[in-house]
Amino acid sequence: MFSPRLDKACRRAVLLLLTILFLLPLPACGGQELAQAAASYRQRKDSDSLEVIHRHLRRGMPQAEVEGLLGEPDYSPIEGQQYYASRREGAEQSGPPPTLVVDYRDAQGGLTAVLHDFWLGTAGE
């Protein structure tokens, strides 16, 4: 015979396991989206892919991981800050294409090997 206490613990364990199994595929989908966007951006420099990559960036990411996604920067005005340009595809899109700026400098301006700041916007002329 199972005690009511053990039965309740089993139900909780099963519920937790089902929740974990349900959530596991979600990061895999995001990883696939990111891998496809990175490959597309490195090949075509398209703005849609750059926007997907931007959504996946996080402060503290290793510089090598960021550069693996984006490839070589288009411009680096100062050491530790890199610009990644894009171009719009399709006739329905208007306006200047976005540029991603990544910064590997800490608050004191010292170079690090991790992402400290990043933003996506239009570059000034």
PDB file of N, CA and C in Angstrom:
ATOM      1  N   MET A   1       0.819  -1.176   0.000  1.00  0.00           N
ATOM      2  CA  MET A   1       0.000   0.000   0.000  1.00  0.00           C
ATOM      3  C   MET A   1       0.872   1.252   0.000  1.00  0.00           C
ATOM      4  N   PHE A   2       0.511   2.239  -0.821  1.00  0.00           N
ATOM      5  CA  PHE A   2       1.209   3.517  -0.840  1.00  0.00           C
ATOM      6  C   PHE A   2       0.586   4.441   0.190  1.00  0.00           C
ATOM      7  N   SER A   3       1.422   5.170   0.816  1.00  0.00           N
ATOM      8  CA  SER A   3       0.900   6.162   1.757  1.00  0.00           C
ATOM      9  C   SER A   3       0.462   7.390   0.961  1.00  0.00           C
ATOM     10  N   PRO A   4      -0.491   8.160   1.462  1.00  0.00           N
ATOM     11  CA  PRO A   4      -0.929   9.370   0.747  1.00  0.00           C
ATOM     12  C   PRO A   4       0.206  10.350   0.520  1.00  0.00           C
ATOM     13  N   ARG A   5       1.149  10.389   1.448  1.00  0.00           N
ATOM     14  CA  ARG A   5       2.285  11.299   1.323  1.00  0.00           C
ATOM     15  C   ARG A   5       3.177  10.889   0.165  1.00  0.00           C
ATOM     16  N   LEU A   6       3.453   9.600   0.014  1.00  0.00           N
ATOM     17  CA  LEU A   6       4.280   9.092  -1.077  1.00  0.00           C
ATOM     18  C   LEU A   6       3.580   9.277  -2.410  1.00  0.00           C
ATOM     19  N   ASP A   7       2.295   9.043  -2.435  1.00  0.00           N
ATOM     20  CA  ASP A   7       1.521   9.201  -3.664  1.00  0.00           C
ATOM     21  C   ASP A   7       1.573  10.654  -4.150  1.00  0.00           C
ATOM     22  N   LYS A   8       1.470  11.597  -3.245  1.00  0.00           N
ATOM     23  CA  LYS A   8       1.544  13.018  -3.590  1.00  0.00           C
ATOM     24  C   LYS A   8       2.928  13.362  -4.124  1.00  0.00           C
ATOM     25  N   ALA A   9       3.971  12.807  -3.511  1.00  0.00           N
ATOM     26  CA  ALA A   9       5.342  13.046  -3.970  1.00  0.00           C
ATOM     27  C   ALA A   9       5.549  12.472  -5.374  1.00  0.00           C
ATOM     28  N   CYS A  10       4.982  11.322  -5.645  1.00  0.00           N
ATOM     29  CA  CYS A  10       5.091  10.718  -6.988  1.00  0.00           C
ATOM     30  C   CYS A  10       4.398  11.580  -8.033  1.00  0.00           C
ATOM     31  N   ARG A  11       3.221  12.082  -7.693  1.00  0.00           N
ATOM     32  CA  ARG A  11       2.509  12.948  -8.646  1.00  0.00           C
ATOM     33  C   ARG A  11       3.314  14.212  -8.947  1.00  0.00           C
ATOM     34  N   ARG A  12       3.915  14.789  -7.935  1.00  0.00           N
ATOM     35  CA  ARG A  12       4.749  15.977  -8.139  1.00  0.00           C
ATOM     36  C   ARG A  12       5.952  15.664  -9.021  1.00  0.00           C
ATOM     37  N   ALA A  13       6.578  14.518  -8.777  1.00  0.00           N
ATOM     38  CA  ALA A  13       7.737  14.122  -9.574  1.00  0.00           C
ATOM     39  C   ALA A  13       7.355  13.916 -11.034  1.00  0.00           C
ATOM     40  N   VAL A  14       6.227  13.274 -11.268  1.00  0.00           N
ATOM     41  CA  VAL A  14       5.759  13.052 -12.646  1.00  0.00           C
ATOM     42  C   VAL A  14       5.433  14.381 -13.309  1.00  0.00           C
ATOM     43  N   LEU A  15       4.774  15.262 -12.600  1.00  0.00           N
ATOM     44  CA  LEU A  15       4.439  16.582 -13.144  1.00  0.00           C
ATOM     45  C   LEU A  15       5.701  17.366 -13.485  1.00  0.00           C
ATOM     46  N   LEU A  16       6.689  17.332 -12.602  1.00  0.00           N
ATOM     47  CA  LEU A  16       7.950  18.013 -12.865  1.00  0.00           C
ATOM     48  C   LEU A  16       8.649  17.429 -14.091  1.00  0.00           C
ATOM     49  N   LEU A  17       8.673  16.122 -14.200  1.00  0.00           N
ATOM     50  CA  LEU A  17       9.302  15.459 -15.346  1.00  0.00           C
ATOM     51  C   LEU A  17       8.599  15.830 -16.645  1.00  0.00           C
ATOM     52  N   LEU A  18       7.282  15.832 -16.656  1.00  0.00           N
ATOM     53  CA  LEU A  18       6.544  16.211 -17.863  1.00  0.00           C
ATOM     54  C   LEU A  18       6.791  17.668 -18.241  1.00  0.00           C
ATOM     55  N   THR A  19       6.877  18.531 -17.254  1.00  0.00           N
ATOM     56  CA  THR A  19       7.167  19.945 -17.521  1.00  0.00           C
ATOM     57  C   THR A  19       8.541  20.100 -18.155  1.00  0.00           C
ATOM     58  N   ILE A  20       9.527  19.408 -17.613  1.00  0.00           N
ATOM     59  CA  ILE A  20      10.889  19.476 -18.166  1.00  0.00           C
ATOM     60  C   ILE A  20      10.915  18.938 -19.590  1.00  0.00           C
ATOM     61  N   LEU A  21      10.260  17.811 -19.823  1.00  0.00           N
ATOM     62  CA  LEU A  21      10.239  17.226 -21.166  1.00  0.00           C
ATOM     63  C   LEU A  21       9.532  18.132 -22.166  1.00  0.00           C
ATOM     64  N   PHE A  22       8.509  18.837 -21.718  1.00  0.00           N
ATOM     65  CA  PHE A  22       7.795  19.760 -22.595  1.00  0.00           C
ATOM     66  C   PHE A  22       8.662  20.952 -22.976  1.00  0.00           C
ATOM     67  N   LEU A  23       9.476  21.439 -22.047  1.00  0.00           N
ATOM     68  CA  LEU A  23      10.273  22.635 -22.288  1.00  0.00           C
ATOM     69  C   LEU A  23      11.586  22.363 -23.009  1.00  0.00           C
ATOM     70  N   LEU A  24      12.073  21.147 -23.016  1.00  0.00           N
ATOM     71  CA  LEU A  24      13.360  20.845 -23.639  1.00  0.00           C
ATOM     72  C   LEU A  24      13.442  21.209 -25.114  1.00  0.00           C
ATOM     73  N   PRO A  25      12.450  20.956 -25.938  1.00  0.00           N
ATOM     74  CA  PRO A  25      12.588  21.290 -27.364  1.00  0.00           C
ATOM     75  C   PRO A  25      12.678  22.780 -27.651  1.00  0.00           C
ATOM     76  N   LEU A  26      12.213  23.638 -26.747  1.00  0.00           N
ATOM     77  CA  LEU A  26      12.196  25.072 -27.024  1.00  0.00           C
ATOM     78  C   LEU A  26      13.577  25.660 -27.261  1.00  0.00           C
ATOM     79  N   PRO A  27      14.583  25.416 -26.424  1.00  0.00           N
ATOM     80  CA  PRO A  27      15.905  25.970 -26.712  1.00  0.00           C
ATOM     81  C   PRO A  27      16.496  25.412 -27.999  1.00  0.00           C
ATOM     82  N   ALA A  28      16.207  24.177 -28.323  1.00  0.00           N
ATOM     83  CA  ALA A  28      16.727  23.598 -29.556  1.00  0.00           C
ATOM     84  C   ALA A  28      16.201  24.357 -30.772  1.00  0.00           C
ATOM     85  N   CYS A  29      14.932  24.751 -30.730  1.00  0.00           N
ATOM     86  CA  CYS A  29      14.369  25.518 -31.845  1.00  0.00           C
ATOM     87  C   CYS A  29      15.069  26.870 -31.966  1.00  0.00           C
ATOM     88  N   GLY A  30      15.300  27.529 -30.843  1.00  0.00           N
ATOM     89  CA  GLY A  30      15.998  28.812 -30.851  1.00  0.00           C
ATOM     90  C   GLY A  30      17.419  28.670 -31.348  1.00  0.00           C
ATOM     91  N   GLY A  31      18.078  27.578 -30.986  1.00  0.00           N
ATOM     92  CA  GLY A  31      19.439  27.327 -31.446  1.00  0.00           C
ATOM     93  C   GLY A  31      19.504  27.124 -32.943  1.00  0.00           C
ATOM     94  N   GLN A  32      18.506  26.443 -33.483  1.00  0.00           N
ATOM     95  CA  GLN A  32      18.461  26.222 -34.928  1.00  0.00           C
ATOM     96  C   GLN A  32      18.201  27.539 -35.663  1.00  0.00           C
ATOM     97  N   GLU A  33      17.305  28.346 -35.119  1.00  0.00           N
ATOM     98  CA  GLU A  33      17.023  29.655 -35.716  1.00  0.00           C
ATOM     99  C   GLU A  33      18.286  30.509 -35.721  1.00  0.00           C
ATOM    100  N   LEU A  34      19.021  30.496 -34.619  1.00  0.00           N
ATOM    101  CA  LEU A  34      20.244  31.290 -34.514  1.00  0.00           C
ATOM    102  C   LEU A  34      21.306  30.784 -35.486  1.00  0.00           C
ATOM    103  N   ALA A  35      21.478  29.484 -35.593  1.00  0.00           N
ATOM    104  CA  ALA A  35      22.473  28.923 -36.511  1.00  0.00           C
ATOM    105  C   ALA A  35      22.142  29.285 -37.960  1.00  0.00           C
ATOM    106  N   GLN A  36      20.867  29.218 -38.320  1.00  0.00           N
ATOM    107  CA  GLN A  36      20.459  29.580 -39.684  1.00  0.00           C
ATOM    108  C   GLN A  36      20.673  31.072 -39.936  1.00  0.00           C
ATOM    109  N   ALA A  37      20.346  31.903 -38.960  1.00  0.00           N
ATOM    110  CA  ALA A  37      20.527  33.346 -39.117  1.00  0.00           C
ATOM    111  C   ALA A  37      22.005  33.691 -39.245  1.00  0.00           C
ATOM    112  N   ALA A  38      22.843  33.050 -38.442  1.00  0.00           N
ATOM    113  CA  ALA A  38      24.281  33.322 -38.494  1.00  0.00           C
ATOM    114  C   ALA A  38      24.849  32.946 -39.855  1.00  0.00           C
ATOM    115  N   ALA A  39      24.473  31.784 -40.370  1.00  0.00           N
ATOM    116  CA  ALA A  39      24.958  31.354 -41.687  1.00  0.00           C
ATOM    117  C   ALA A  39      24.475  32.314 -42.771  1.00  0.00           C
ATOM    118  N   SER A  40      23.220  32.726 -42.680  1.00  0.00           N
ATOM    119  CA  SER A  40      22.664  33.646 -43.674  1.00  0.00           C
ATOM    120  C   SER A  40      23.354  35.003 -43.604  1.00  0.00           C
ATOM    121  N   TYR A  41      23.558  35.519 -42.385  1.00  0.00           N
ATOM    122  CA  TYR A  41      24.193  36.830 -42.255  1.00  0.00           C
ATOM    123  C   TYR A  41      25.621  36.804 -42.783  1.00  0.00           C
ATOM    124  N   ARG A  42      26.381  35.793 -42.428  1.00  0.00           N
ATOM    125  CA  ARG A  42      27.777  35.720 -42.893  1.00  0.00           C
ATOM    126  C   ARG A  42      27.845  35.630 -44.418  1.00  0.00           C
ATOM    127  N   GLN A  43      26.845  35.022 -45.030  1.00  0.00           N
ATOM    128  CA  GLN A  43      26.853  34.873 -46.484  1.00  0.00           C
ATOM    129  C   GLN A  43      26.267  36.088 -47.206  1.00  0.00           C
ATOM    130  N   ARG A  44      25.144  36.623 -46.712  1.00  0.00           N
ATOM    131  CA  ARG A  44      24.407  37.647 -47.454  1.00  0.00           C
ATOM    132  C   ARG A  44      24.363  39.015 -46.784  1.00  0.00           C
ATOM    133  N   LYS A  45      24.734  39.103 -45.495  1.00  0.00           N
ATOM    134  CA  LYS A  45      24.664  40.375 -44.740  1.00  0.00           C
ATOM    135  C   LYS A  45      23.246  40.946 -44.711  1.00  0.00           C
ATOM    136  N   ASP A  46      22.235  40.066 -44.664  1.00  0.00           N
ATOM    137  CA  ASP A  46      20.846  40.531 -44.701  1.00  0.00           C
ATOM    138  C   ASP A  46      20.394  41.026 -43.327  1.00  0.00           C
ATOM    139  N   SER A  47      19.530  42.029 -43.351  1.00  0.00           N
ATOM    140  CA  SER A  47      19.089  42.677 -42.116  1.00  0.00           C
ATOM    141  C   SER A  47      18.222  41.763 -41.259  1.00  0.00           C
ATOM    142  N   ASP A  48      17.410  40.909 -41.871  1.00  0.00           N
ATOM    143  CA  ASP A  48      16.556  40.006 -41.087  1.00  0.00           C
ATOM    144  C   ASP A  48      17.402  39.082 -40.215  1.00  0.00           C
ATOM    145  N   SER A  49      18.452  38.526 -40.776  1.00  0.00           N
ATOM    146  CA  SER A  49      19.330  37.634 -40.016  1.00  0.00           C
ATOM    147  C   SER A  49      20.063  38.386 -38.914  1.00  0.00           C
ATOM    148  N   LEU A  50      20.492  39.602 -39.202  1.00  0.00           N
ATOM    149  CA  LEU A  50      21.180  40.403 -38.195  1.00  0.00           C
ATOM    150  C   LEU A  50      20.255  40.680 -37.009  1.00  0.00           C
ATOM    151  N   GLU A  51      18.985  40.916 -37.278  1.00  0.00           N
ATOM    152  CA  GLU A  51      18.026  41.169 -36.203  1.00  0.00           C
ATOM    153  C   GLU A  51      17.816  39.929 -35.346  1.00  0.00           C
ATOM    154  N   VAL A  52      17.802  38.743 -35.958  1.00  0.00           N
ATOM    155  CA  VAL A  52      17.672  37.498 -35.190  1.00  0.00           C
ATOM    156  C   VAL A  52      18.895  37.317 -34.292  1.00  0.00           C
ATOM    157  N   ILE A  53      20.066  37.523 -34.833  1.00  0.00           N
ATOM    158  CA  ILE A  53      21.298  37.396 -34.040  1.00  0.00           C
ATOM    159  C   ILE A  53      21.268  38.374 -32.876  1.00  0.00           C
ATOM    160  N   HIS A  54      20.859  39.609 -33.127  1.00  0.00           N
ATOM    161  CA  HIS A  54      20.785  40.633 -32.081  1.00  0.00           C
ATOM    162  C   HIS A  54      19.905  40.169 -30.918  1.00  0.00           C
ATOM    163  N   ARG A  55      18.782  39.528 -31.215  1.00  0.00           N
ATOM    164  CA  ARG A  55      17.874  39.056 -30.167  1.00  0.00           C
ATOM    165  C   ARG A  55      18.508  37.965 -29.299  1.00  0.00           C
ATOM    166  N   HIS A  56      19.501  37.264 -29.828  1.00  0.00           N
ATOM    167  CA  HIS A  56      20.136  36.177 -29.086  1.00  0.00           C
ATOM    168  C   HIS A  56      21.410  36.593 -28.348  1.00  0.00           C
ATOM    169  N   LEU A  57      21.888  37.800 -28.574  1.00  0.00           N
ATOM    170  CA  LEU A  57      23.103  38.250 -27.883  1.00  0.00           C
ATOM    171  C   LEU A  57      22.805  38.516 -26.413  1.00  0.00           C
ATOM    172  N   ARG A  58      23.793  38.259 -25.569  1.00  0.00           N
ATOM    173  CA  ARG A  58      23.677  38.509 -24.135  1.00  0.00           C
ATOM    174  C   ARG A  58      24.980  39.096 -23.612  1.00  0.00           C
ATOM    175  N   ARG A  59      24.877  40.034 -22.707  1.00  0.00           N
ATOM    176  CA  ARG A  59      26.081  40.559 -22.059  1.00  0.00           C
ATOM    177  C   ARG A  59      26.804  39.405 -21.380  1.00  0.00           C
ATOM    178  N   GLY A  60      28.131  39.415 -21.484  1.00  0.00           N
ATOM    179  CA  GLY A  60      28.926  38.344 -20.895  1.00  0.00           C
ATOM    180  C   GLY A  60      29.263  37.223 -21.861  1.00  0.00           C
ATOM    181  N   MET A  61      28.686  37.249 -23.066  1.00  0.00           N
ATOM    182  CA  MET A  61      29.026  36.224 -24.062  1.00  0.00           C
ATOM    183  C   MET A  61      30.497  36.361 -24.435  1.00  0.00           C
ATOM    184  N   PRO A  62      31.183  35.252 -24.628  1.00  0.00           N
ATOM    185  CA  PRO A  62      32.582  35.334 -25.058  1.00  0.00           C
ATOM    186  C   PRO A  62      32.693  35.976 -26.444  1.00  0.00           C
ATOM    187  N   GLN A  63      33.714  36.756 -26.629  1.00  0.00           N
ATOM    188  CA  GLN A  63      33.933  37.432 -27.907  1.00  0.00           C
ATOM    189  C   GLN A  63      34.018  36.420 -29.044  1.00  0.00           C
ATOM    190  N   ALA A  64      34.670  35.292 -28.810  1.00  0.00           N
ATOM    191  CA  ALA A  64      34.802  34.276 -29.860  1.00  0.00           C
ATOM    192  C   ALA A  64      33.436  33.750 -30.298  1.00  0.00           C
ATOM    193  N   GLU A  65      32.496  33.625 -29.360  1.00  0.00           N
ATOM    194  CA  GLU A  65      31.154  33.152 -29.706  1.00  0.00           C
ATOM    195  C   GLU A  65      30.416  34.188 -30.553  1.00  0.00           C
ATOM    196  N   VAL A  66      30.533  35.463 -30.173  1.00  0.00           N
ATOM    197  CA  VAL A  66      29.886  36.538 -30.933  1.00  0.00           C
ATOM    198  C   VAL A  66      30.464  36.594 -32.346  1.00  0.00           C
ATOM    199  N   GLU A  67      31.785  36.554 -32.458  1.00  0.00           N
ATOM    200  CA  GLU A  67      32.429  36.609 -33.771  1.00  0.00           C
ATOM    201  C   GLU A  67      32.138  35.354 -34.588  1.00  0.00           C
ATOM    202  N   GLY A  68      31.908  34.229 -33.928  1.00  0.00           N
ATOM    203  CA  GLY A  68      31.510  33.021 -34.641  1.00  0.00           C
ATOM    204  C   GLY A  68      30.149  33.172 -35.296  1.00  0.00           C
ATOM    205  N   LEU A  69      29.265  33.924 -34.666  1.00  0.00           N
ATOM    206  CA  LEU A  69      27.940  34.169 -35.227  1.00  0.00           C
ATOM    207  C   LEU A  69      27.989  35.184 -36.364  1.00  0.00           C
ATOM    208  N   LEU A  70      28.768  36.241 -36.175  1.00  0.00           N
ATOM    209  CA  LEU A  70      28.733  37.381 -37.089  1.00  0.00           C
ATOM    210  C   LEU A  70      29.837  37.394 -38.144  1.00  0.00           C
ATOM    211  N   GLY A  71      30.934  36.724 -37.896  1.00  0.00           N
ATOM    212  CA  GLY A  71      32.061  36.786 -38.816  1.00  0.00           C
ATOM    213  C   GLY A  71      32.909  38.018 -38.543  1.00  0.00           C
ATOM    214  N   GLU A  72      33.621  38.445 -39.557  1.00  0.00           N
ATOM    215  CA  GLU A  72      34.500  39.623 -39.444  1.00  0.00           C
ATOM    216  C   GLU A  72      33.664  40.901 -39.425  1.00  0.00           C
ATOM    217  N   PRO A  73      34.017  41.861 -38.567  1.00  0.00           N
ATOM    218  CA  PRO A  73      33.270  43.126 -38.556  1.00  0.00           C
ATOM    219  C   PRO A  73      33.543  43.931 -39.820  1.00  0.00           C
ATOM    220  N   ASP A  74      32.604  44.794 -40.155  1.00  0.00           N
ATOM    221  CA  ASP A  74      32.766  45.675 -41.311  1.00  0.00           C
ATOM    222  C   ASP A  74      33.611  46.890 -40.979  1.00  0.00           C
ATOM    223  N   TYR A  75      33.615  47.259 -39.702  1.00  0.00           N
ATOM    224  CA  TYR A  75      34.280  48.494 -39.303  1.00  0.00           C
ATOM    225  C   TYR A  75      34.576  48.416 -37.811  1.00  0.00           C
ATOM    226  N   SER A  76      35.709  48.963 -37.410  1.00  0.00           N
ATOM    227  CA  SER A  76      36.060  49.019 -36.002  1.00  0.00           C
ATOM    228  C   SER A  76      36.730  50.367 -35.740  1.00  0.00           C
ATOM    229  N   PRO A  77      35.930  51.369 -35.298  1.00  0.00           N
ATOM    230  CA  PRO A  77      36.476  52.713 -35.121  1.00  0.00           C
ATOM    231  C   PRO A  77      37.501  52.799 -33.996  1.00  0.00           C
ATOM    232  N   ILE A  78      37.318  51.992 -32.963  1.00  0.00           N
ATOM    233  CA  ILE A  78      38.265  51.935 -31.861  1.00  0.00           C
ATOM    234  C   ILE A  78      38.412  50.477 -31.438  1.00  0.00           C
ATOM    235  N   GLU A  79      39.538  50.158 -30.860  1.00  0.00           N
ATOM    236  CA  GLU A  79      39.773  48.785 -30.442  1.00  0.00           C
ATOM    237  C   GLU A  79      38.731  48.366 -29.405  1.00  0.00           C
ATOM    238  N   GLY A  80      38.104  47.236 -29.655  1.00  0.00           N
ATOM    239  CA  GLY A  80      37.094  46.721 -28.736  1.00  0.00           C
ATOM    240  C   GLY A  80      35.670  47.039 -29.131  1.00  0.00           C
ATOM    241  N   GLN A  81      35.476  47.855 -30.150  1.00  0.00           N
ATOM    242  CA  GLN A  81      34.134  48.178 -30.636  1.00  0.00           C
ATOM    243  C   GLN A  81      34.063  47.815 -32.112  1.00  0.00           C
ATOM    244  N   GLN A  82      33.044  47.041 -32.476  1.00  0.00           N
ATOM    245  CA  GLN A  82      32.935  46.551 -33.848  1.00  0.00           C
ATOM    246  C   GLN A  82      31.540  46.814 -34.411  1.00  0.00           C
ATOM    247  N   TYR A  83      31.506  47.142 -35.696  1.00  0.00           N
ATOM    248  CA  TYR A  83      30.254  47.427 -36.395  1.00  0.00           C
ATOM    249  C   TYR A  83      30.004  46.339 -37.434  1.00  0.00           C
ATOM    250  N   TYR A  84      28.749  45.875 -37.489  1.00  0.00           N
ATOM    251  CA  TYR A  84      28.319  44.885 -38.474  1.00  0.00           C
ATOM    252  C   TYR A  84      27.157  45.479 -39.258  1.00  0.00           C
ATOM    253  N   ALA A  85      27.405  45.788 -40.521  1.00  0.00           N
ATOM    254  CA  ALA A  85      26.394  46.402 -41.375  1.00  0.00           C
ATOM    255  C   ALA A  85      25.487  45.321 -41.965  1.00  0.00           C
ATOM    256  N   SER A  86      24.373  45.763 -42.508  1.00  0.00           N
ATOM    257  CA  SER A  86      23.465  44.839 -43.191  1.00  0.00           C
ATOM    258  C   SER A  86      22.852  45.552 -44.388  1.00  0.00           C
ATOM    259  N   ARG A  87      22.158  44.782 -45.186  1.00  0.00           N
ATOM    260  CA  ARG A  87      21.408  45.348 -46.307  1.00  0.00           C
ATOM    261  C   ARG A  87      20.013  44.740 -46.287  1.00  0.00           C
ATOM    262  N   ARG A  88      19.073  45.528 -46.703  1.00  0.00           N
ATOM    263  CA  ARG A  88      17.677  45.077 -46.753  1.00  0.00           C
ATOM    264  C   ARG A  88      17.453  44.297 -48.034  1.00  0.00           C
ATOM    265  N   GLU A  89      16.640  43.259 -47.895  1.00  0.00           N
ATOM    266  CA  GLU A  89      16.267  42.468 -49.065  1.00  0.00           C
ATOM    267  C   GLU A  89      14.772  42.605 -49.274  1.00  0.00           C
ATOM    268  N   GLY A  90      14.355  42.706 -50.494  1.00  0.00           N
ATOM    269  CA  GLY A  90      12.941  42.831 -50.805  1.00  0.00           C
ATOM    270  C   GLY A  90      12.544  44.274 -51.030  1.00  0.00           C
ATOM    271  N   ALA A  91      11.666  44.476 -51.969  1.00  0.00           N
ATOM    272  CA  ALA A  91      11.248  45.825 -52.350  1.00  0.00           C
ATOM    273  C   ALA A  91      10.358  46.475 -51.291  1.00  0.00           C
ATOM    274  N   GLU A  92       9.689  45.668 -50.441  1.00  0.00           N
ATOM    275  CA  GLU A  92       8.745  46.231 -49.478  1.00  0.00           C
ATOM    276  C   GLU A  92       9.428  46.910 -48.290  1.00  0.00           C
ATOM    277  N   GLN A  93      10.724  46.704 -48.115  1.00  0.00           N
ATOM    278  CA  GLN A  93      11.427  47.295 -46.978  1.00  0.00           C
ATOM    279  C   GLN A  93      12.058  48.621 -47.383  1.00  0.00           C
ATOM    280  N   SER A  94      11.855  49.626 -46.545  1.00  0.00           N
ATOM    281  CA  SER A  94      12.407  50.942 -46.857  1.00  0.00           C
ATOM    282  C   SER A  94      13.218  51.451 -45.678  1.00  0.00           C
ATOM    283  N   GLY A  95      13.916  52.526 -45.913  1.00  0.00           N
ATOM    284  CA  GLY A  95      14.739  53.113 -44.872  1.00  0.00           C
ATOM    285  C   GLY A  95      16.114  52.480 -44.828  1.00  0.00           C
ATOM    286  N   PRO A  96      17.002  53.101 -44.083  1.00  0.00           N
ATOM    287  CA  PRO A  96      18.361  52.560 -44.007  1.00  0.00           C
ATOM    288  C   PRO A  96      18.370  51.226 -43.266  1.00  0.00           C
ATOM    289  N   PRO A  97      19.219  50.304 -43.681  1.00  0.00           N
ATOM    290  CA  PRO A  97      19.296  49.007 -43.004  1.00  0.00           C
ATOM    291  C   PRO A  97      19.978  49.155 -41.649  1.00  0.00           C
ATOM    292  N   PRO A  98      19.686  48.246 -40.731  1.00  0.00           N
ATOM    293  CA  PRO A  98      20.283  48.350 -39.402  1.00  0.00           C
ATOM    294  C   PRO A  98      21.757  47.958 -39.391  1.00  0.00           C
ATOM    295  N   THR A  99      22.457  48.499 -38.415  1.00  0.00           N
ATOM    296  CA  THR A  99      23.851  48.160 -38.134  1.00  0.00           C
ATOM    297  C   THR A  99      23.911  47.705 -36.679  1.00  0.00           C
ATOM    298  N   LEU A 100      24.644  46.627 -36.434  1.00  0.00           N
ATOM    299  CA  LEU A 100      24.835  46.126 -35.080  1.00  0.00           C
ATOM    300  C   LEU A 100      26.198  46.582 -34.583  1.00  0.00           C
ATOM    301  N   VAL A 101      26.211  47.169 -33.395  1.00  0.00           N
ATOM    302  CA  VAL A 101      27.463  47.588 -32.765  1.00  0.00           C
ATOM    303  C   VAL A 101      27.662  46.709 -31.536  1.00  0.00           C
ATOM    304  N   VAL A 102      28.828  46.085 -31.448  1.00  0.00           N
ATOM    305  CA  VAL A 102      29.169  45.284 -30.270  1.00  0.00           C
ATOM    306  C   VAL A 102      30.389  45.903 -29.607  1.00  0.00           C
ATOM    307  N   ASP A 103      30.406  45.869 -28.284  1.00  0.00           N
ATOM    308  CA  ASP A 103      31.474  46.522 -27.536  1.00  0.00           C
ATOM    309  C   ASP A 103      32.012  45.569 -26.481  1.00  0.00           C
ATOM    310  N   TYR A 104      33.320  45.333 -26.537  1.00  0.00           N
ATOM    311  CA  TYR A 104      33.995  44.427 -25.608  1.00  0.00           C
ATOM    312  C   TYR A 104      34.793  45.187 -24.552  1.00  0.00           C
ATOM    313  N   ARG A 105      34.515  46.479 -24.380  1.00  0.00           N
ATOM    314  CA  ARG A 105      35.227  47.292 -23.384  1.00  0.00           C
ATOM    315  C   ARG A 105      34.404  47.370 -22.102  1.00  0.00           C
ATOM    316  N   ASP A 106      35.097  47.310 -20.971  1.00  0.00           N
ATOM    317  CA  ASP A 106      34.395  47.434 -19.696  1.00  0.00           C
ATOM    318  C   ASP A 106      34.089  48.904 -19.411  1.00  0.00           C
ATOM    319  N   ALA A 107      33.493  49.172 -18.262  1.00  0.00           N
ATOM    320  CA  ALA A 107      33.072  50.535 -17.910  1.00  0.00           C
ATOM    321  C   ALA A 107      34.232  51.522 -17.863  1.00  0.00           C
ATOM    322  N   GLN A 108      35.439  51.029 -17.612  1.00  0.00           N
ATOM    323  CA  GLN A 108      36.619  51.892 -17.578  1.00  0.00           C
ATOM    324  C   GLN A 108      37.309  51.984 -18.939  1.00  0.00           C
ATOM    325  N   GLY A 109      36.755  51.329 -19.940  1.00  0.00           N
ATOM    326  CA  GLY A 109      37.335  51.368 -21.283  1.00  0.00           C
ATOM    327  C   GLY A 109      38.375  50.294 -21.535  1.00  0.00           C
ATOM    328  N   GLY A 110      38.584  49.413 -20.576  1.00  0.00           N
ATOM    329  CA  GLY A 110      39.559  48.337 -20.750  1.00  0.00           C
ATOM    330  C   GLY A 110      39.020  47.225 -21.632  1.00  0.00           C
ATOM    331  N   LEU A 111      39.886  46.688 -22.461  1.00  0.00           N
ATOM    332  CA  LEU A 111      39.481  45.596 -23.349  1.00  0.00           C
ATOM    333  C   LEU A 111      39.270  44.316 -22.568  1.00  0.00           C
ATOM    334  N   THR A 112      38.229  43.592 -22.930  1.00  0.00           N
ATOM    335  CA  THR A 112      37.947  42.296 -22.328  1.00  0.00           C
ATOM    336  C   THR A 112      37.655  41.315 -23.457  1.00  0.00           C
ATOM    337  N   ALA A 113      37.457  40.087 -23.118  1.00  0.00           N
ATOM    338  CA  ALA A 113      37.125  39.066 -24.118  1.00  0.00           C
ATOM    339  C   ALA A 113      35.659  38.671 -24.032  1.00  0.00           C
ATOM    340  N   VAL A 114      34.846  39.541 -23.409  1.00  0.00           N
ATOM    341  CA  VAL A 114      33.407  39.269 -23.303  1.00  0.00           C
ATOM    342  C   VAL A 114      32.614  40.487 -23.770  1.00  0.00           C
ATOM    343  N   LEU A 115      31.401  40.227 -24.192  1.00  0.00           N
ATOM    344  CA  LEU A 115      30.513  41.275 -24.679  1.00  0.00           C
ATOM    345  C   LEU A 115      29.983  42.088 -23.504  1.00  0.00           C
ATOM    346  N   HIS A 116      30.219  43.399 -23.536  1.00  0.00           N
ATOM    347  CA  HIS A 116      29.741  44.280 -22.470  1.00  0.00           C
ATOM    348  C   HIS A 116      28.517  45.075 -22.883  1.00  0.00           C
ATOM    349  N   ASP A 117      28.441  45.426 -24.162  1.00  0.00           N
ATOM    350  CA  ASP A 117      27.312  46.226 -24.620  1.00  0.00           C
ATOM    351  C   ASP A 117      27.093  45.956 -26.103  1.00  0.00           C
ATOM    352  N   PHE A 118      25.867  46.153 -26.548  1.00  0.00           N
ATOM    353  CA  PHE A 118      25.542  45.990 -27.966  1.00  0.00           C
ATOM    354  C   PHE A 118      24.238  46.705 -28.254  1.00  0.00           C
ATOM    355  N   TRP A 119      24.089  47.176 -29.471  1.00  0.00           N
ATOM    356  CA  TRP A 119      22.855  47.824 -29.880  1.00  0.00           C
ATOM    357  C   TRP A 119      22.711  47.705 -31.384  1.00  0.00           C
ATOM    358  N   LEU A 120      21.456  47.745 -31.799  1.00  0.00           N
ATOM    359  CA  LEU A 120      21.102  47.635 -33.205  1.00  0.00           C
ATOM    360  C   LEU A 120      20.362  48.905 -33.585  1.00  0.00           C
ATOM    361  N   GLY A 121      20.833  49.565 -34.616  1.00  0.00           N
ATOM    362  CA  GLY A 121      20.199  50.797 -35.062  1.00  0.00           C
ATOM    363  C   GLY A 121      20.770  51.199 -36.415  1.00  0.00           C
ATOM    364  N   THR A 122      20.465  52.401 -36.826  1.00  0.00           N
ATOM    365  CA  THR A 122      20.998  52.889 -38.100  1.00  0.00           C
ATOM    366  C   THR A 122      22.253  53.698 -37.817  1.00  0.00           C
ATOM    367  N   ALA A 123      23.242  53.455 -38.633  1.00  0.00           N
ATOM    368  CA  ALA A 123      24.525  54.167 -38.481  1.00  0.00           C
ATOM    369  C   ALA A 123      24.395  55.546 -39.101  1.00  0.00           C
ATOM    370  N   GLY A 124      24.973  56.543 -38.447  1.00  0.00           N
ATOM    371  CA  GLY A 124      24.961  57.908 -38.961  1.00  0.00           C
ATOM    372  C   GLY A 124      25.872  58.044 -40.156  1.00  0.00           C
ATOM    373  N   GLU A 125      25.534  58.958 -41.015  1.00  0.00           N
ATOM    374  CA  GLU A 125      26.332  59.185 -42.217  1.00  0.00           C
ATOM    375  C   GLU A 125      27.398  60.209 -41.946  1.00  0.00           C
TER     376      GLU A 125
END
